[in-house]
Amino acid sequence: MNRIRFRREPFAEYVLQMIDSNVGNNIMIATDRKLFDNKAMQTIQPQLETKRLVLRQFQFSDCHNIQALISDYEVAKTTYSIPHPYTLENARGWVMRRKKGWDGRSNISYGLFEKRSQELIGCTSLQNIFNDESQLGYWIGRSYWNRNYCTEATSALVQFAHARLGINKIYAEHQDDNPASGSVLKKLGFASVESVMKPDRTGNQTLVNVYCIDLKSNSL
């Protein structure tokens, strides 16, 4: 069960703290009082913080690091939409679309930064936001696999989306040959819905497993 409370901090007028007992997250949303006004939320993407990670909006200064992580074929092949090879121009265009997505409230994407090293390690996002529904996506650089970072980060995003954006139903998909992604979803309480064939980045049909969580009836 989540506990949500406000408290004052030196770096911000208010902090929204959400404690997720299931995965051990202590999620800090650094902001100021104005953020809790819906109009301000349209222009300010808040920074989230977990025990080991800082989640913040992507900047163009991150493009070289994005390109370095995603150009690894082992990372790209865990998705069915990231092109390979992946160029610096791909990264710049992608960051631009992330910024426009937040401005239009159609998606929210976070870069995941390791606190210890301050290095970019991956991304988590909510796409196709419509009313109170959205679709979860994520990827992690290969050097950071098997450290539970993905579960930690996606848990923070899902809780934020439910508490601050009013998103109640979230879908997610993963390729059938990527069971690690499915393990993340199961840890978060997502339930399997169906398996369907979809085209991958090359146009070939691939088996995709679809999951969903209803946050009105489930708590992370």
C-alpha atoms as a PDB file:
ATOM      1  CA  MET A   1       0.000   0.000   0.000  1.00  0.00           C
ATOM      2  CA  ASN A   2       1.337   3.445  -0.936  1.00  0.00           C
ATOM      3  CA  ARG A   3       1.639   6.253   1.559  1.00  0.00           C
ATOM      4  CA  ILE A   4       1.539   9.718  -0.007  1.00  0.00           C
ATOM      5  CA  ARG A   5       2.392  12.845   1.916  1.00  0.00           C
ATOM      6  CA  PHE A   6       3.706  16.380   1.469  1.00  0.00           C
ATOM      7  CA  ARG A   7       6.635  17.839   3.359  1.00  0.00           C
ATOM      8  CA  ARG A   8       8.892  20.880   3.120  1.00  0.00           C
ATOM      9  CA  GLU A   9      12.442  20.565   1.824  1.00  0.00           C
ATOM     10  CA  PRO A  10      15.321  23.079   1.450  1.00  0.00           C
ATOM     11  CA  PHE A  11      15.487  22.563  -2.348  1.00  0.00           C
ATOM     12  CA  ALA A  12      11.767  22.957  -2.996  1.00  0.00           C
ATOM     13  CA  GLU A  13       8.774  24.464  -1.320  1.00  0.00           C
ATOM     14  CA  TYR A  14       7.005  21.133  -1.332  1.00  0.00           C
ATOM     15  CA  VAL A  15       7.922  17.560  -2.108  1.00  0.00           C
ATOM     16  CA  LEU A  16       5.457  14.795  -2.876  1.00  0.00           C
ATOM     17  CA  GLN A  17       6.788  11.623  -1.293  1.00  0.00           C
ATOM     18  CA  MET A  18       5.384   8.257  -2.306  1.00  0.00           C
ATOM     19  CA  ILE A  19       6.645   5.112  -0.622  1.00  0.00           C
ATOM     20  CA  ASP A  20       6.186   1.898  -2.558  1.00  0.00           C
ATOM     21  CA  SER A  21       6.600  -0.986  -0.129  1.00  0.00           C
ATOM     22  CA  ASN A  22       6.404  -3.682  -2.822  1.00  0.00           C
ATOM     23  CA  VAL A  23       9.604  -2.716  -4.651  1.00  0.00           C
ATOM     24  CA  GLY A  24      11.245  -0.606  -1.952  1.00  0.00           C
ATOM     25  CA  ASN A  25      10.964   2.737  -3.698  1.00  0.00           C
ATOM     26  CA  ASN A  26      11.025   6.004  -1.820  1.00  0.00           C
ATOM     27  CA  ILE A  27       9.846   8.279  -4.615  1.00  0.00           C
ATOM     28  CA  MET A  28      10.516  11.983  -4.281  1.00  0.00           C
ATOM     29  CA  ILE A  29       8.873  14.420  -6.677  1.00  0.00           C
ATOM     30  CA  ALA A  30      10.834  17.649  -6.358  1.00  0.00           C
ATOM     31  CA  THR A  31       8.683  20.619  -7.211  1.00  0.00           C
ATOM     32  CA  ASP A  32       7.293  23.864  -5.926  1.00  0.00           C
ATOM     33  CA  ARG A  33       3.807  24.704  -4.813  1.00  0.00           C
ATOM     34  CA  LYS A  34       2.790  26.039  -8.230  1.00  0.00           C
ATOM     35  CA  LEU A  35       3.277  22.621  -9.806  1.00  0.00           C
ATOM     36  CA  PHE A  36       0.129  21.342  -8.175  1.00  0.00           C
ATOM     37  CA  ASP A  37      -1.892  23.697 -10.323  1.00  0.00           C
ATOM     38  CA  ASN A  38      -3.014  21.951 -13.531  1.00  0.00           C
ATOM     39  CA  LYS A  39      -1.966  24.887 -15.744  1.00  0.00           C
ATOM     40  CA  ALA A  40       1.571  24.746 -14.374  1.00  0.00           C
ATOM     41  CA  MET A  41       1.658  20.982 -14.964  1.00  0.00           C
ATOM     42  CA  GLN A  42       1.281  21.659 -18.684  1.00  0.00           C
ATOM     43  CA  THR A  43       4.615  23.501 -18.843  1.00  0.00           C
ATOM     44  CA  ILE A  44       6.721  21.987 -16.071  1.00  0.00           C
ATOM     45  CA  GLN A  45       7.785  18.347 -16.157  1.00  0.00           C
ATOM     46  CA  PRO A  46       8.727  17.528 -12.565  1.00  0.00           C
ATOM     47  CA  GLN A  47      11.821  15.605 -11.611  1.00  0.00           C
ATOM     48  CA  LEU A  48      11.297  12.277  -9.824  1.00  0.00           C
ATOM     49  CA  GLU A  49      13.751  10.614  -7.488  1.00  0.00           C
ATOM     50  CA  THR A  50      13.983   7.034  -6.227  1.00  0.00           C
ATOM     51  CA  LYS A  51      16.511   5.370  -3.956  1.00  0.00           C
ATOM     52  CA  ARG A  52      19.110   4.938  -6.713  1.00  0.00           C
ATOM     53  CA  LEU A  53      17.842   7.032  -9.615  1.00  0.00           C
ATOM     54  CA  VAL A  54      16.936  10.529 -10.707  1.00  0.00           C
ATOM     55  CA  LEU A  55      14.263  10.720 -13.402  1.00  0.00           C
ATOM     56  CA  ARG A  56      14.220  13.944 -15.394  1.00  0.00           C
ATOM     57  CA  GLN A  57      13.106  15.296 -18.745  1.00  0.00           C
ATOM     58  CA  PHE A  58      15.498  14.620 -21.621  1.00  0.00           C
ATOM     59  CA  GLN A  59      17.596  17.544 -22.874  1.00  0.00           C
ATOM     60  CA  PHE A  60      19.413  17.930 -26.189  1.00  0.00           C
ATOM     61  CA  SER A  61      22.675  17.689 -24.239  1.00  0.00           C
ATOM     62  CA  ASP A  62      21.743  14.033 -23.569  1.00  0.00           C
ATOM     63  CA  CYS A  63      21.673  13.079 -27.254  1.00  0.00           C
ATOM     64  CA  HIS A  64      25.189  11.654 -27.473  1.00  0.00           C
ATOM     65  CA  ASN A  65      24.557   9.435 -24.454  1.00  0.00           C
ATOM     66  CA  ILE A  66      21.152   8.359 -25.792  1.00  0.00           C
ATOM     67  CA  GLN A  67      22.741   7.411 -29.099  1.00  0.00           C
ATOM     68  CA  ALA A  68      25.541   5.497 -27.353  1.00  0.00           C
ATOM     69  CA  LEU A  69      23.074   3.386 -25.357  1.00  0.00           C
ATOM     70  CA  ILE A  70      20.473   2.689 -28.059  1.00  0.00           C
ATOM     71  CA  SER A  71      22.921   2.061 -30.875  1.00  0.00           C
ATOM     72  CA  ASP A  72      23.737  -1.215 -29.102  1.00  0.00           C
ATOM     73  CA  TYR A  73      21.809  -3.794 -31.111  1.00  0.00           C
ATOM     74  CA  GLU A  74      21.201  -5.891 -27.994  1.00  0.00           C
ATOM     75  CA  VAL A  75      19.189  -2.970 -26.590  1.00  0.00           C
ATOM     76  CA  ALA A  76      17.380  -2.107 -29.828  1.00  0.00           C
ATOM     77  CA  LYS A  77      16.248  -5.680 -30.431  1.00  0.00           C
ATOM     78  CA  THR A  78      14.376  -5.753 -27.098  1.00  0.00           C
ATOM     79  CA  THR A  79      11.948  -3.290 -28.703  1.00  0.00           C
ATOM     80  CA  TYR A  80       9.989  -3.390 -31.949  1.00  0.00           C
ATOM     81  CA  SER A  81      10.169   0.326 -32.732  1.00  0.00           C
ATOM     82  CA  ILE A  82      13.733   1.590 -32.087  1.00  0.00           C
ATOM     83  CA  PRO A  83      15.619   1.670 -35.414  1.00  0.00           C
ATOM     84  CA  HIS A  84      19.029   0.083 -35.873  1.00  0.00           C
ATOM     85  CA  PRO A  85      21.520   1.501 -36.575  1.00  0.00           C
ATOM     86  CA  TYR A  86      20.584   4.486 -34.391  1.00  0.00           C
ATOM     87  CA  THR A  87      22.174   7.819 -35.283  1.00  0.00           C
ATOM     88  CA  LEU A  88      22.738  11.079 -33.426  1.00  0.00           C
ATOM     89  CA  GLU A  89      20.088  12.674 -35.641  1.00  0.00           C
ATOM     90  CA  ASN A  90      17.656   9.957 -34.548  1.00  0.00           C
ATOM     91  CA  ALA A  91      18.369  10.920 -30.939  1.00  0.00           C
ATOM     92  CA  ARG A  92      17.861  14.650 -31.588  1.00  0.00           C
ATOM     93  CA  GLY A  93      14.556  14.077 -33.340  1.00  0.00           C
ATOM     94  CA  TRP A  94      13.435  11.737 -30.569  1.00  0.00           C
ATOM     95  CA  VAL A  95      14.207  14.294 -27.828  1.00  0.00           C
ATOM     96  CA  MET A  96      12.300  16.952 -29.753  1.00  0.00           C
ATOM     97  CA  ARG A  97       9.271  14.672 -29.960  1.00  0.00           C
ATOM     98  CA  ARG A  98       9.511  13.918 -26.212  1.00  0.00           C
ATOM     99  CA  LYS A  99       9.426  17.632 -25.434  1.00  0.00           C
ATOM    100  CA  LYS A 100       6.445  18.214 -27.724  1.00  0.00           C
ATOM    101  CA  GLY A 101       4.715  15.211 -26.214  1.00  0.00           C
ATOM    102  CA  TRP A 102       4.904  16.670 -22.712  1.00  0.00           C
ATOM    103  CA  ASP A 103       3.789  20.095 -23.929  1.00  0.00           C
ATOM    104  CA  GLY A 104       0.778  18.502 -25.622  1.00  0.00           C
ATOM    105  CA  ARG A 105       0.133  16.099 -22.751  1.00  0.00           C
ATOM    106  CA  SER A 106       0.219  13.173 -25.186  1.00  0.00           C
ATOM    107  CA  ASN A 107       3.232  11.479 -23.592  1.00  0.00           C
ATOM    108  CA  ILE A 108       5.704  11.817 -20.754  1.00  0.00           C
ATOM    109  CA  SER A 109       9.253  10.489 -21.021  1.00  0.00           C
ATOM    110  CA  TYR A 110      11.969  10.378 -18.403  1.00  0.00           C
ATOM    111  CA  GLY A 111      15.681   9.844 -18.688  1.00  0.00           C
ATOM    112  CA  LEU A 112      16.946   7.562 -15.935  1.00  0.00           C
ATOM    113  CA  PHE A 113      20.134   8.796 -14.283  1.00  0.00           C
ATOM    114  CA  GLU A 114      22.088   6.739 -11.799  1.00  0.00           C
ATOM    115  CA  LYS A 115      22.648   8.784  -8.649  1.00  0.00           C
ATOM    116  CA  ARG A 116      26.038   7.278  -7.902  1.00  0.00           C
ATOM    117  CA  SER A 117      27.597   7.934 -11.321  1.00  0.00           C
ATOM    118  CA  GLN A 118      25.133  10.569 -12.645  1.00  0.00           C
ATOM    119  CA  GLU A 119      25.162   8.640 -15.918  1.00  0.00           C
ATOM    120  CA  LEU A 120      22.169   8.149 -18.205  1.00  0.00           C
ATOM    121  CA  ILE A 121      21.154   4.488 -18.040  1.00  0.00           C
ATOM    122  CA  GLY A 122      17.826   4.335 -19.872  1.00  0.00           C
ATOM    123  CA  CYS A 123      14.306   5.655 -20.317  1.00  0.00           C
ATOM    124  CA  THR A 124      10.772   5.089 -19.086  1.00  0.00           C
ATOM    125  CA  SER A 125       7.729   6.689 -20.649  1.00  0.00           C
ATOM    126  CA  LEU A 126       3.975   6.828 -20.938  1.00  0.00           C
ATOM    127  CA  GLN A 127       2.762   7.153 -24.519  1.00  0.00           C
ATOM    128  CA  ASN A 128      -0.605   7.727 -26.186  1.00  0.00           C
ATOM    129  CA  ILE A 129      -2.113   9.429 -23.146  1.00  0.00           C
ATOM    130  CA  PHE A 130      -5.852   9.792 -23.704  1.00  0.00           C
ATOM    131  CA  ASN A 131      -8.302  10.601 -20.921  1.00  0.00           C
ATOM    132  CA  ASP A 132      -7.218   8.318 -18.060  1.00  0.00           C
ATOM    133  CA  GLU A 133      -5.410   5.684 -20.138  1.00  0.00           C
ATOM    134  CA  SER A 134      -1.860   5.342 -21.441  1.00  0.00           C
ATOM    135  CA  GLN A 135       0.794   2.883 -22.597  1.00  0.00           C
ATOM    136  CA  LEU A 136       4.018   2.190 -20.674  1.00  0.00           C
ATOM    137  CA  GLY A 137       7.388   1.828 -22.381  1.00  0.00           C
ATOM    138  CA  TYR A 138      10.985   1.503 -21.219  1.00  0.00           C
ATOM    139  CA  TRP A 139      14.497   0.524 -22.186  1.00  0.00           C
ATOM    140  CA  ILE A 140      17.746   0.149 -20.235  1.00  0.00           C
ATOM    141  CA  GLY A 141      21.362   0.269 -21.447  1.00  0.00           C
ATOM    142  CA  ARG A 142      22.929  -3.182 -21.549  1.00  0.00           C
ATOM    143  CA  SER A 143      25.579  -2.357 -18.932  1.00  0.00           C
ATOM    144  CA  TYR A 144      22.758  -1.749 -16.434  1.00  0.00           C
ATOM    145  CA  TRP A 145      20.676  -4.877 -16.991  1.00  0.00           C
ATOM    146  CA  ASN A 146      19.833  -7.229 -14.111  1.00  0.00           C
ATOM    147  CA  ARG A 147      20.012  -4.528 -11.411  1.00  0.00           C
ATOM    148  CA  ASN A 148      16.252  -3.988 -10.960  1.00  0.00           C
ATOM    149  CA  TYR A 149      16.596  -0.422 -12.290  1.00  0.00           C
ATOM    150  CA  CYS A 150      13.711  -0.840 -14.715  1.00  0.00           C
ATOM    151  CA  THR A 151      11.265  -1.914 -12.020  1.00  0.00           C
ATOM    152  CA  GLU A 152      12.394   0.916  -9.754  1.00  0.00           C
ATOM    153  CA  ALA A 153      11.976   3.557 -12.452  1.00  0.00           C
ATOM    154  CA  THR A 154       8.712   2.358 -13.976  1.00  0.00           C
ATOM    155  CA  SER A 155       7.144   2.041 -10.528  1.00  0.00           C
ATOM    156  CA  ALA A 156       7.971   5.697  -9.866  1.00  0.00           C
ATOM    157  CA  LEU A 157       6.483   6.818 -13.189  1.00  0.00           C
ATOM    158  CA  VAL A 158       3.305   4.779 -12.815  1.00  0.00           C
ATOM    159  CA  GLN A 159       2.689   6.112  -9.304  1.00  0.00           C
ATOM    160  CA  PHE A 160       3.304   9.689 -10.424  1.00  0.00           C
ATOM    161  CA  ALA A 161       0.997   9.307 -13.417  1.00  0.00           C
ATOM    162  CA  HIS A 162      -1.795   7.968 -11.230  1.00  0.00           C
ATOM    163  CA  ALA A 163      -1.365  10.470  -8.373  1.00  0.00           C
ATOM    164  CA  ARG A 164      -0.726  13.628 -10.410  1.00  0.00           C
ATOM    165  CA  LEU A 165      -2.040  13.041 -13.931  1.00  0.00           C
ATOM    166  CA  GLY A 166      -5.131  11.014 -13.089  1.00  0.00           C
ATOM    167  CA  ILE A 167      -4.128   8.060 -15.261  1.00  0.00           C
ATOM    168  CA  ASN A 168      -5.977   4.953 -14.095  1.00  0.00           C
ATOM    169  CA  LYS A 169      -5.415   2.311 -16.762  1.00  0.00           C
ATOM    170  CA  ILE A 170      -2.006   1.559 -18.278  1.00  0.00           C
ATOM    171  CA  TYR A 171      -1.198  -0.917 -21.020  1.00  0.00           C
ATOM    172  CA  ALA A 172       2.231  -2.331 -21.837  1.00  0.00           C
ATOM    173  CA  GLU A 173       3.660  -4.692 -24.445  1.00  0.00           C
ATOM    174  CA  HIS A 174       6.804  -6.724 -24.877  1.00  0.00           C
ATOM    175  CA  GLN A 175       8.120  -9.054 -27.523  1.00  0.00           C
ATOM    176  CA  ASP A 176       7.678 -12.700 -26.669  1.00  0.00           C
ATOM    177  CA  ASP A 177      11.421 -13.300 -26.945  1.00  0.00           C
ATOM    178  CA  ASN A 178      12.091 -10.675 -24.252  1.00  0.00           C
ATOM    179  CA  PRO A 179      10.747 -12.323 -21.058  1.00  0.00           C
ATOM    180  CA  ALA A 180      12.754  -9.961 -18.817  1.00  0.00           C
ATOM    181  CA  SER A 181      10.437  -7.133 -19.826  1.00  0.00           C
ATOM    182  CA  GLY A 182       7.442  -9.236 -18.864  1.00  0.00           C
ATOM    183  CA  SER A 183       8.997  -9.885 -15.457  1.00  0.00           C
ATOM    184  CA  VAL A 184       9.112  -6.126 -14.828  1.00  0.00           C
ATOM    185  CA  LEU A 185       5.413  -5.806 -15.597  1.00  0.00           C
ATOM    186  CA  LYS A 186       4.459  -8.711 -13.356  1.00  0.00           C
ATOM    187  CA  LYS A 187       6.411  -7.178 -10.452  1.00  0.00           C
ATOM    188  CA  LEU A 188       4.378  -3.993 -10.901  1.00  0.00           C
ATOM    189  CA  GLY A 189       1.099  -5.899 -10.817  1.00  0.00           C
ATOM    190  CA  PHE A 190       0.258  -5.846 -14.526  1.00  0.00           C
ATOM    191  CA  ALA A 191      -1.962  -8.693 -15.724  1.00  0.00           C
ATOM    192  CA  SER A 192      -1.589 -10.519 -19.041  1.00  0.00           C
ATOM    193  CA  VAL A 193      -4.324  -9.585 -21.534  1.00  0.00           C
ATOM    194  CA  GLU A 194      -3.465 -11.223 -24.861  1.00  0.00           C
ATOM    195  CA  SER A 195      -0.738 -12.111 -27.330  1.00  0.00           C
ATOM    196  CA  VAL A 196      -0.870 -10.646 -30.849  1.00  0.00           C
ATOM    197  CA  MET A 197       1.301 -10.454 -33.954  1.00  0.00           C
ATOM    198  CA  LYS A 198       2.714  -7.019 -34.781  1.00  0.00           C
ATOM    199  CA  PRO A 199       5.311  -5.711 -37.252  1.00  0.00           C
ATOM    200  CA  ASP A 200       8.750  -4.999 -35.804  1.00  0.00           C
ATOM    201  CA  ARG A 201      11.216  -2.286 -36.914  1.00  0.00           C
ATOM    202  CA  THR A 202      12.043  -4.293 -40.058  1.00  0.00           C
ATOM    203  CA  GLY A 203       8.411  -4.942 -40.977  1.00  0.00           C
ATOM    204  CA  ASN A 204       8.524  -8.607 -39.961  1.00  0.00           C
ATOM    205  CA  GLN A 205       5.695  -9.962 -37.847  1.00  0.00           C
ATOM    206  CA  THR A 206       6.631 -10.695 -34.235  1.00  0.00           C
ATOM    207  CA  LEU A 207       4.668 -12.093 -31.303  1.00  0.00           C
ATOM    208  CA  VAL A 208       3.874  -9.398 -28.719  1.00  0.00           C
ATOM    209  CA  ASN A 209       2.437  -9.977 -25.256  1.00  0.00           C
ATOM    210  CA  VAL A 210       0.004  -7.333 -23.986  1.00  0.00           C
ATOM    211  CA  TYR A 211      -0.468  -6.450 -20.297  1.00  0.00           C
ATOM    212  CA  CYS A 212      -2.674  -4.030 -18.394  1.00  0.00           C
ATOM    213  CA  ILE A 213      -3.090  -2.627 -14.893  1.00  0.00           C
ATOM    214  CA  ASP A 214      -6.183  -0.871 -13.560  1.00  0.00           C
ATOM    215  CA  LEU A 215      -4.928   1.509 -10.870  1.00  0.00           C
ATOM    216  CA  LYS A 216      -8.425   2.156  -9.572  1.00  0.00           C
ATOM    217  CA  SER A 217      -8.582  -1.389  -8.287  1.00  0.00           C
ATOM    218  CA  ASN A 218      -4.855  -2.078  -7.751  1.00  0.00           C
ATOM    219  CA  SER A 219      -2.188  -0.336  -5.678  1.00  0.00           C
ATOM    220  CA  LEU A 220       1.491  -0.722  -6.492  1.00  0.00           C
END
